[in-house]
Amino acid sequence: MQQFEYKTFNIPLKNALFSKKQDLDIESIEDALNLMGRVGWELTTQFTRQKNGFSQYAVLIFKRPIVHSSKNKS
């Protein structure tokens, strides 16, 4: 049966004063996502955590298959 391992990342969101607009560095996030994909991680879901009505950070959840090496027992 296929098994998976999981990894989570928190990405802080910069809130504008008295506003719910988030300022994200999309290029940096895209670079990080591409790096994760190159080493076998797949983004499965994301959500934001809020405090006082403002999103504080985004949570990204990744998974990848666990590869079991089969050694020849002789």
N, C-alpha and C. Protein backbone atom coordinates (compact mmCIF):
# COMPACT_ATOMS: atom_id res chain seq x y z
N MET A 1 0.85 -1.18 0.00
CA MET A 1 0.00 0.00 0.00
C MET A 1 0.89 1.24 0.00
N GLN A 2 0.53 2.21 -0.83
CA GLN A 2 1.30 3.45 -0.92
C GLN A 2 1.19 4.25 0.38
N GLN A 3 2.34 4.72 0.86
CA GLN A 3 2.38 5.57 2.05
C GLN A 3 2.91 6.94 1.66
N PHE A 4 2.54 7.96 2.44
CA PHE A 4 2.93 9.32 2.16
C PHE A 4 3.56 9.96 3.38
N GLU A 5 4.38 10.97 3.14
CA GLU A 5 4.85 11.84 4.21
C GLU A 5 4.34 13.24 3.90
N TYR A 6 4.21 14.05 4.93
CA TYR A 6 3.60 15.37 4.79
C TYR A 6 4.51 16.46 5.35
N LYS A 7 4.37 17.64 4.79
CA LYS A 7 5.15 18.80 5.24
C LYS A 7 4.22 20.01 5.19
N THR A 8 4.33 20.88 6.19
CA THR A 8 3.54 22.11 6.19
C THR A 8 4.47 23.32 6.22
N PHE A 9 4.03 24.39 5.56
CA PHE A 9 4.74 25.66 5.56
C PHE A 9 3.76 26.75 5.94
N ASN A 10 4.22 27.68 6.75
CA ASN A 10 3.44 28.87 7.07
C ASN A 10 4.04 30.05 6.32
N ILE A 11 3.21 30.79 5.62
CA ILE A 11 3.66 31.97 4.88
C ILE A 11 3.01 33.18 5.53
N PRO A 12 3.78 34.03 6.19
CA PRO A 12 3.21 35.22 6.82
C PRO A 12 2.59 36.15 5.79
N LEU A 13 1.46 36.72 6.13
CA LEU A 13 0.79 37.69 5.28
C LEU A 13 0.96 39.06 5.90
N LYS A 14 1.30 40.04 5.07
CA LYS A 14 1.48 41.41 5.55
C LYS A 14 0.16 42.15 5.37
N ASN A 15 -0.47 42.49 6.46
CA ASN A 15 -1.75 43.19 6.40
C ASN A 15 -1.54 44.69 6.36
N ALA A 16 -2.23 45.35 5.45
CA ALA A 16 -2.21 46.81 5.43
C ALA A 16 -2.98 47.32 6.64
N LEU A 17 -2.55 48.43 7.20
CA LEU A 17 -3.20 48.99 8.37
C LEU A 17 -4.67 49.27 8.08
N PHE A 18 -5.55 48.76 8.94
CA PHE A 18 -6.99 48.95 8.85
C PHE A 18 -7.56 48.42 7.53
N SER A 19 -6.94 47.41 7.00
CA SER A 19 -7.41 46.84 5.74
C SER A 19 -7.24 45.34 5.79
N LYS A 20 -8.03 44.63 5.00
CA LYS A 20 -7.90 43.18 4.93
C LYS A 20 -7.11 42.76 3.69
N LYS A 21 -6.48 43.72 3.03
CA LYS A 21 -5.70 43.42 1.84
C LYS A 21 -4.35 42.82 2.24
N GLN A 22 -4.02 41.69 1.65
CA GLN A 22 -2.74 41.04 1.94
C GLN A 22 -1.74 41.38 0.84
N ASP A 23 -0.51 41.59 1.25
CA ASP A 23 0.57 41.86 0.33
C ASP A 23 1.47 40.63 0.29
N LEU A 24 1.42 39.87 -0.81
CA LEU A 24 2.19 38.65 -0.94
C LEU A 24 3.31 38.84 -1.97
N ASP A 25 4.45 38.23 -1.69
CA ASP A 25 5.53 38.21 -2.66
C ASP A 25 5.32 36.96 -3.52
N ILE A 26 4.48 37.09 -4.55
CA ILE A 26 4.08 35.96 -5.38
C ILE A 26 5.28 35.29 -6.03
N GLU A 27 6.24 36.06 -6.48
CA GLU A 27 7.41 35.49 -7.15
C GLU A 27 8.20 34.57 -6.21
N SER A 28 8.37 34.98 -4.96
CA SER A 28 9.09 34.15 -3.99
C SER A 28 8.31 32.88 -3.68
N ILE A 29 7.00 33.01 -3.56
CA ILE A 29 6.16 31.84 -3.28
C ILE A 29 6.22 30.86 -4.45
N GLU A 30 6.15 31.39 -5.66
CA GLU A 30 6.23 30.54 -6.85
C GLU A 30 7.57 29.82 -6.91
N ASP A 31 8.65 30.51 -6.61
CA ASP A 31 9.98 29.87 -6.60
C ASP A 31 10.02 28.74 -5.58
N ALA A 32 9.46 28.98 -4.39
CA ALA A 32 9.44 27.94 -3.34
C ALA A 32 8.60 26.75 -3.76
N LEU A 33 7.45 27.00 -4.39
CA LEU A 33 6.59 25.91 -4.85
C LEU A 33 7.29 25.08 -5.92
N ASN A 34 7.96 25.75 -6.86
CA ASN A 34 8.69 25.01 -7.90
C ASN A 34 9.82 24.18 -7.31
N LEU A 35 10.52 24.70 -6.32
CA LEU A 35 11.58 23.94 -5.65
C LEU A 35 11.00 22.70 -4.97
N MET A 36 9.89 22.87 -4.26
CA MET A 36 9.25 21.73 -3.59
C MET A 36 8.83 20.67 -4.61
N GLY A 37 8.29 21.10 -5.74
CA GLY A 37 7.88 20.16 -6.79
C GLY A 37 9.05 19.39 -7.36
N ARG A 38 10.19 20.06 -7.51
CA ARG A 38 11.38 19.39 -8.06
C ARG A 38 11.91 18.30 -7.15
N VAL A 39 11.66 18.40 -5.86
CA VAL A 39 12.15 17.37 -4.94
C VAL A 39 11.03 16.41 -4.53
N GLY A 40 9.93 16.43 -5.30
CA GLY A 40 8.90 15.40 -5.13
C GLY A 40 7.68 15.76 -4.31
N TRP A 41 7.62 16.99 -3.77
CA TRP A 41 6.47 17.38 -2.95
C TRP A 41 5.35 17.92 -3.83
N GLU A 42 4.12 17.55 -3.50
CA GLU A 42 2.93 18.03 -4.20
C GLU A 42 2.08 18.83 -3.24
N LEU A 43 1.69 20.04 -3.65
CA LEU A 43 0.81 20.86 -2.82
C LEU A 43 -0.57 20.23 -2.83
N THR A 44 -1.09 19.90 -1.65
CA THR A 44 -2.40 19.25 -1.59
C THR A 44 -3.50 20.21 -1.18
N THR A 45 -3.19 21.17 -0.32
CA THR A 45 -4.21 22.12 0.11
C THR A 45 -3.55 23.33 0.74
N GLN A 46 -4.32 24.38 0.88
CA GLN A 46 -3.86 25.58 1.57
C GLN A 46 -5.05 26.22 2.26
N PHE A 47 -4.78 26.92 3.34
CA PHE A 47 -5.80 27.68 4.04
C PHE A 47 -5.13 28.81 4.79
N THR A 48 -5.91 29.76 5.25
CA THR A 48 -5.34 30.87 6.02
C THR A 48 -5.81 30.80 7.46
N ARG A 49 -4.95 31.26 8.34
CA ARG A 49 -5.27 31.36 9.76
C ARG A 49 -5.56 32.82 10.05
N GLN A 50 -6.64 33.07 10.78
CA GLN A 50 -7.04 34.44 11.05
C GLN A 50 -6.98 34.78 12.53
N LYS A 51 -6.82 36.07 12.79
CA LYS A 51 -6.85 36.60 14.15
C LYS A 51 -7.46 37.99 14.06
N ASN A 52 -8.45 38.25 14.87
CA ASN A 52 -9.14 39.55 14.87
C ASN A 52 -9.66 39.94 13.49
N GLY A 53 -10.10 38.96 12.72
CA GLY A 53 -10.68 39.23 11.41
C GLY A 53 -9.67 39.41 10.29
N PHE A 54 -8.39 39.29 10.58
CA PHE A 54 -7.36 39.46 9.57
C PHE A 54 -6.63 38.14 9.37
N SER A 55 -6.32 37.83 8.13
CA SER A 55 -5.51 36.65 7.84
C SER A 55 -4.08 36.91 8.29
N GLN A 56 -3.57 36.05 9.14
CA GLN A 56 -2.22 36.22 9.68
C GLN A 56 -1.17 35.49 8.84
N TYR A 57 -1.51 34.29 8.39
CA TYR A 57 -0.59 33.54 7.55
C TYR A 57 -1.34 32.47 6.77
N ALA A 58 -0.74 32.08 5.66
CA ALA A 58 -1.27 30.98 4.86
C ALA A 58 -0.53 29.71 5.25
N VAL A 59 -1.27 28.62 5.32
CA VAL A 59 -0.69 27.32 5.61
C VAL A 59 -0.76 26.48 4.34
N LEU A 60 0.38 26.00 3.90
CA LEU A 60 0.46 25.13 2.72
C LEU A 60 0.79 23.73 3.18
N ILE A 61 0.04 22.75 2.70
CA ILE A 61 0.27 21.35 3.08
C ILE A 61 0.69 20.58 1.83
N PHE A 62 1.85 19.95 1.92
CA PHE A 62 2.42 19.17 0.84
C PHE A 62 2.45 17.69 1.22
N LYS A 63 2.47 16.82 0.20
CA LYS A 63 2.68 15.40 0.44
C LYS A 63 3.56 14.84 -0.65
N ARG A 64 4.23 13.73 -0.34
CA ARG A 64 4.98 12.99 -1.35
C ARG A 64 5.01 11.53 -0.93
N PRO A 65 5.09 10.65 -1.92
CA PRO A 65 5.13 9.22 -1.60
C PRO A 65 6.41 8.85 -0.86
N ILE A 66 6.28 7.94 0.05
CA ILE A 66 7.46 7.38 0.72
C ILE A 66 7.96 6.24 -0.17
N VAL A 67 9.22 6.33 -0.54
CA VAL A 67 9.80 5.30 -1.42
C VAL A 67 10.58 4.34 -0.53
N HIS A 68 10.15 3.10 -0.53
CA HIS A 68 10.85 2.07 0.23
C HIS A 68 11.83 1.38 -0.70
N SER A 69 13.08 1.36 -0.31
CA SER A 69 14.07 0.68 -1.14
C SER A 69 14.04 -0.82 -0.85
N SER A 70 14.01 -1.60 -1.89
CA SER A 70 14.02 -3.05 -1.71
C SER A 70 15.43 -3.55 -1.90
N LYS A 71 15.99 -4.09 -0.84
CA LYS A 71 17.36 -4.61 -0.89
C LYS A 71 17.29 -6.10 -1.16
N ASN A 72 18.18 -6.55 -2.03
CA ASN A 72 18.25 -7.96 -2.40
C ASN A 72 18.88 -8.74 -1.25
N LYS A 73 18.11 -9.63 -0.64
CA LYS A 73 18.63 -10.44 0.48
C LYS A 73 19.18 -11.72 -0.09
N SER A 74 20.52 -11.87 -0.10
CA SER A 74 21.15 -13.07 -0.64
C SER A 74 21.93 -13.77 0.44
